[in-house]
Amino acid sequence: MTKLSVNINKFATLRNSRGGNNPDIVKAAIDAQRFGADGVTVHPRPDERHIRYEDVRQIKKIITTEFNIEGNCTEQKFVDLVLETKPTQVTLVPDTLGQLTSDHGWDTIKNKDYLQNIISVFKKAGIRVSIFVDPDIKMVEGAAATGTDRIELYTEGYAKQFGAGPSTSSGREARVKPYVEAAQKAKELGLGINAGHDLDLHNLKYFKQAIPWLDEVSIGHALICDALYLGFENAVQLYKRQLM
């Protein structure tokens, strides 16, 4: 079964826009789990413009499912937080300072030595490691050489192309093909496979059907947008159904 990890960053964005604690981020994490999510994802950034480091500490206290912390591991503050809170999984993302949102995967060949070192730090602490990669066979092969447990396929390209052009079966196959090939290579190399970025109720089911051995998807922005109209519990359940 492919697990759904709900990214609750957008709850924090809304809270921070007015100050105070409404919506309550810890309650959002509790409710995500209560409504059926298999995990909770957060992505704290150095400027704490959405999820704050203290939020991560508080969520850790109530987590009953899997806890996934995404972030830029070149920031020592991030590394220290992960080692302190010991989530189920840390997802390493090559963000730059002040970046609006994640927009590319690691160059696993160029950064092989660095990734090997930082991944070993987290694995020694008993934390599963996933690294963000583009759907490129060479990058997947490079990822395997770093010692990571999993890769997370960066799916913005798929999501943008999915709704463009003719919606024929051959058209959709062409759009998902690089991801299937990357996932097949990852499977051959013994890597677990996660996916995330711009997956939604329109494109998720097809992606899962194309890669049935997918371990986990992490979804935040689209799911929270849908929750505004459909309700949080209903949105979580609708996304879960796409993964069946």
Protein backbone atom coordinates (compact mmCIF):
# COMPACT_ATOMS: atom_id res chain seq x y z
CA MET A 1 0.00 0.00 0.00
CA THR A 2 1.25 3.46 -0.88
CA LYS A 3 1.20 5.66 2.21
CA LEU A 4 -0.12 9.22 2.28
CA SER A 5 1.91 11.69 4.32
CA VAL A 6 0.14 15.02 4.71
CA ASN A 7 2.34 18.10 4.63
CA ILE A 8 0.88 20.64 7.07
CA ASN A 9 3.10 23.61 6.18
CA LYS A 10 0.15 25.57 4.77
CA PHE A 11 -1.59 25.51 8.14
CA ALA A 12 1.46 27.28 9.54
CA THR A 13 1.49 29.78 6.67
CA LEU A 14 -2.08 30.76 7.53
CA ARG A 15 -1.34 30.96 11.25
CA ASN A 16 1.75 33.10 10.72
CA SER A 17 -0.15 35.57 8.53
CA ARG A 18 -2.09 36.79 11.57
CA GLY A 19 0.06 35.79 14.54
CA GLY A 20 -1.34 33.84 17.46
CA ASN A 21 -2.07 30.14 17.16
CA ASN A 22 -5.03 29.88 14.81
CA PRO A 23 -5.01 27.42 13.17
CA ASP A 24 -3.30 25.28 15.80
CA ILE A 25 -0.48 23.40 14.07
CA VAL A 26 -0.31 20.59 16.61
CA LYS A 27 -4.06 20.04 16.27
CA ALA A 28 -3.63 19.95 12.49
CA ALA A 29 -1.10 17.13 12.91
CA ILE A 30 -3.37 15.26 15.32
CA ASP A 31 -6.34 15.64 12.98
CA ALA A 32 -4.39 14.58 9.89
CA GLN A 33 -3.64 11.30 11.65
CA ARG A 34 -7.18 10.99 13.01
CA PHE A 35 -8.61 11.49 9.54
CA GLY A 36 -6.55 8.64 8.10
CA ALA A 37 -3.18 10.02 7.00
CA ASP A 38 -0.37 7.48 7.26
CA GLY A 39 2.10 10.18 8.21
CA VAL A 40 2.70 13.88 8.77
CA THR A 41 5.29 15.90 6.85
CA VAL A 42 6.79 19.27 7.79
CA HIS A 43 9.37 21.35 5.97
CA PRO A 44 10.94 23.91 8.33
CA ARG A 45 13.01 26.58 6.61
CA PRO A 46 15.71 28.74 8.19
CA ASP A 47 13.48 31.85 8.21
CA GLU A 48 10.61 29.84 9.81
CA ARG A 49 8.13 31.53 7.48
CA HIS A 50 5.71 28.66 7.91
CA ILE A 51 6.63 25.68 10.11
CA ARG A 52 8.71 26.83 13.06
CA TYR A 53 11.36 24.73 14.71
CA GLU A 54 9.35 24.68 17.92
CA ASP A 55 6.34 23.36 15.96
CA VAL A 56 8.45 20.35 14.99
CA ARG A 57 9.30 19.67 18.62
CA GLN A 58 5.66 19.89 19.68
CA ILE A 59 4.42 17.69 16.83
CA LYS A 60 6.97 15.04 17.73
CA LYS A 61 5.30 14.71 21.13
CA ILE A 62 1.92 13.74 19.68
CA ILE A 63 2.85 11.82 16.54
CA THR A 64 1.36 8.34 16.35
CA THR A 65 2.05 7.64 12.67
CA GLU A 66 5.16 8.29 10.61
CA PHE A 67 6.86 11.66 10.98
CA ASN A 68 8.75 13.03 7.97
CA ILE A 69 10.89 16.16 8.23
CA GLU A 70 11.98 17.70 4.93
CA GLY A 71 14.63 20.34 4.59
CA ASN A 72 17.98 21.68 3.58
CA CYS A 73 20.62 19.59 5.30
CA THR A 74 23.35 22.13 4.53
CA GLU A 75 21.85 24.21 7.37
CA GLN A 76 23.34 22.97 10.66
CA LYS A 77 20.26 24.20 12.50
CA PHE A 78 18.16 21.77 10.45
CA VAL A 79 20.54 18.87 11.07
CA ASP A 80 20.48 19.54 14.82
CA LEU A 81 16.66 19.66 14.85
CA VAL A 82 16.37 16.32 13.04
CA LEU A 83 18.85 14.64 15.38
CA GLU A 84 17.01 16.10 18.38
CA THR A 85 13.50 15.03 17.33
CA LYS A 86 14.43 11.77 15.56
CA PRO A 87 11.58 11.50 13.04
CA THR A 88 10.78 8.30 11.19
CA GLN A 89 12.25 9.79 8.05
CA VAL A 90 14.27 12.81 6.99
CA THR A 91 13.95 13.94 3.38
CA LEU A 92 16.95 15.90 2.15
CA VAL A 93 16.09 18.71 -0.26
CA PRO A 94 18.66 20.91 -2.07
CA ASP A 95 16.93 24.22 -1.30
CA THR A 96 18.73 27.53 -1.37
CA LEU A 97 18.25 30.17 1.31
CA GLY A 98 14.95 32.00 0.86
CA GLN A 99 13.69 29.64 -1.85
CA LEU A 100 9.92 29.87 -2.32
CA THR A 101 9.42 26.15 -2.77
CA SER A 102 11.50 23.11 -3.72
CA ASP A 103 12.10 23.08 -7.47
CA HIS A 104 14.77 20.50 -8.29
CA GLY A 105 16.43 17.35 -7.08
CA TRP A 106 19.99 16.69 -5.96
CA ASP A 107 22.84 16.25 -8.37
CA THR A 108 23.75 12.99 -6.70
CA ILE A 109 26.97 12.61 -8.69
CA LYS A 110 28.41 16.04 -8.01
CA ASN A 111 27.33 15.92 -4.36
CA LYS A 112 28.10 12.24 -3.74
CA ASP A 113 30.70 12.74 -0.99
CA TYR A 114 28.64 15.31 0.87
CA LEU A 115 25.48 13.21 0.70
CA GLN A 116 27.30 10.07 1.84
CA ASN A 117 28.57 11.91 4.91
CA ILE A 118 25.33 13.57 5.95
CA ILE A 119 23.22 10.48 5.23
CA SER A 120 25.49 8.40 7.47
CA VAL A 121 24.93 10.91 10.30
CA PHE A 122 21.16 10.45 10.14
CA LYS A 123 21.27 6.70 9.63
CA LYS A 124 23.52 6.25 12.66
CA ALA A 125 20.78 7.99 14.64
CA GLY A 126 18.25 5.41 13.41
CA ILE A 127 16.48 7.76 11.01
CA ARG A 128 15.39 6.58 7.57
CA VAL A 129 16.76 8.85 4.84
CA SER A 130 15.16 9.88 1.56
CA ILE A 131 16.68 12.30 -0.93
CA PHE A 132 14.91 14.48 -3.48
CA VAL A 133 15.82 13.55 -7.07
CA ASP A 134 14.66 14.38 -10.58
CA PRO A 135 13.43 11.50 -12.79
CA ASP A 136 16.87 10.87 -14.25
CA ILE A 137 18.42 7.40 -14.34
CA LYS A 138 21.92 8.73 -13.66
CA MET A 139 20.69 10.67 -10.62
CA VAL A 140 18.95 7.55 -9.30
CA GLU A 141 22.12 5.51 -9.76
CA GLY A 142 24.04 8.27 -8.01
CA ALA A 143 21.53 8.21 -5.17
CA ALA A 144 22.11 4.51 -4.62
CA ALA A 145 25.82 5.21 -4.20
CA THR A 146 25.15 7.68 -1.37
CA GLY A 147 23.71 5.08 0.97
CA THR A 148 20.23 6.61 1.11
CA ASP A 149 17.29 4.36 1.97
CA ARG A 150 14.87 5.99 -0.43
CA ILE A 151 14.53 8.59 -3.12
CA GLU A 152 11.67 11.05 -3.48
CA LEU A 153 10.82 11.68 -7.11
CA TYR A 154 10.25 15.39 -7.73
CA THR A 155 6.93 15.34 -9.59
CA GLU A 156 6.29 18.96 -10.63
CA GLY A 157 7.21 18.17 -14.24
CA TYR A 158 4.73 15.30 -14.36
CA ALA A 159 1.98 17.38 -12.76
CA LYS A 160 2.43 20.28 -15.20
CA GLN A 161 2.43 18.02 -18.24
CA PHE A 162 -0.42 15.82 -17.06
CA GLY A 163 -3.07 18.45 -17.68
CA ALA A 164 -1.50 19.76 -20.88
CA GLY A 165 -2.14 18.49 -24.37
CA PRO A 166 -4.36 15.54 -25.36
CA SER A 167 -5.54 13.29 -22.55
CA THR A 168 -5.03 10.10 -24.55
CA SER A 169 -3.53 7.02 -22.96
CA SER A 170 -0.41 7.35 -25.10
CA GLY A 171 -0.05 11.02 -24.12
CA ARG A 172 -0.26 10.25 -20.44
CA GLU A 173 2.14 7.33 -20.79
CA ALA A 174 4.69 9.65 -22.36
CA ARG A 175 4.36 12.13 -19.50
CA VAL A 176 4.85 9.55 -16.78
CA LYS A 177 7.47 7.48 -18.64
CA PRO A 178 10.60 9.15 -17.15
CA TYR A 179 9.21 8.61 -13.66
CA VAL A 180 8.41 4.96 -14.32
CA GLU A 181 11.91 4.39 -15.68
CA ALA A 182 13.50 6.15 -12.71
CA ALA A 183 11.33 4.16 -10.30
CA GLN A 184 12.21 0.89 -12.03
CA LYS A 185 15.90 1.67 -11.73
CA ALA A 186 15.47 2.59 -8.06
CA LYS A 187 13.68 -0.70 -7.45
CA GLU A 188 16.47 -2.62 -9.18
CA LEU A 189 18.99 -0.88 -6.93
CA GLY A 190 17.06 -1.69 -3.76
CA LEU A 191 15.87 1.84 -3.04
CA GLY A 192 12.48 2.72 -1.61
CA ILE A 193 10.47 5.20 -3.67
CA ASN A 194 8.57 8.26 -2.47
CA ALA A 195 7.10 11.03 -4.61
CA GLY A 196 5.90 14.55 -4.13
CA HIS A 197 5.28 18.07 -5.43
CA ASP A 198 2.07 19.20 -7.15
CA LEU A 199 0.39 15.81 -6.97
CA ASP A 200 -3.36 16.30 -6.65
CA LEU A 201 -6.76 14.63 -7.06
CA HIS A 202 -6.49 14.87 -10.85
CA ASN A 203 -3.07 13.32 -11.43
CA LEU A 204 -2.33 11.16 -8.38
CA LYS A 205 -4.27 8.04 -9.30
CA TYR A 206 -2.61 7.68 -12.70
CA PHE A 207 0.83 8.20 -11.20
CA LYS A 208 0.19 5.50 -8.58
CA GLN A 209 -1.14 3.09 -11.22
CA ALA A 210 1.97 3.64 -13.33
CA ILE A 211 4.26 2.97 -10.33
CA PRO A 212 2.33 0.49 -8.16
CA TRP A 213 5.36 -0.20 -5.96
CA LEU A 214 5.45 3.42 -4.79
CA ASP A 215 6.06 3.53 -1.02
CA GLU A 216 4.80 6.99 -0.10
CA VAL A 217 3.54 10.30 -1.43
CA SER A 218 3.89 13.56 0.47
CA ILE A 219 1.16 16.05 -0.39
CA GLY A 220 0.48 19.44 1.16
CA HIS A 221 -0.48 22.41 -0.99
CA ALA A 222 -3.09 20.73 -3.20
CA LEU A 223 -4.63 18.75 -0.36
CA ILE A 224 -4.98 21.81 1.89
CA CYS A 225 -6.47 23.81 -1.01
CA ASP A 226 -9.02 21.06 -1.53
CA ALA A 227 -9.71 20.99 2.20
CA LEU A 228 -10.87 24.62 2.05
CA TYR A 229 -13.81 23.50 -0.07
CA LEU A 230 -14.25 19.86 0.89
CA GLY A 231 -13.19 19.80 4.55
CA PHE A 232 -9.93 18.45 5.91
CA GLU A 233 -11.19 14.97 6.79
CA ASN A 234 -12.90 14.52 3.44
CA ALA A 235 -9.82 15.71 1.54
CA VAL A 236 -7.54 13.26 3.35
CA GLN A 237 -9.91 10.40 2.57
CA LEU A 238 -10.26 11.40 -1.08
CA TYR A 239 -6.49 11.42 -1.50
CA LYS A 240 -6.22 8.04 0.22
CA ARG A 241 -8.68 6.59 -2.29
CA GLN A 242 -6.51 7.69 -5.18
CA LEU A 243 -3.77 5.44 -3.81
CA MET A 244 -5.84 2.26 -3.64
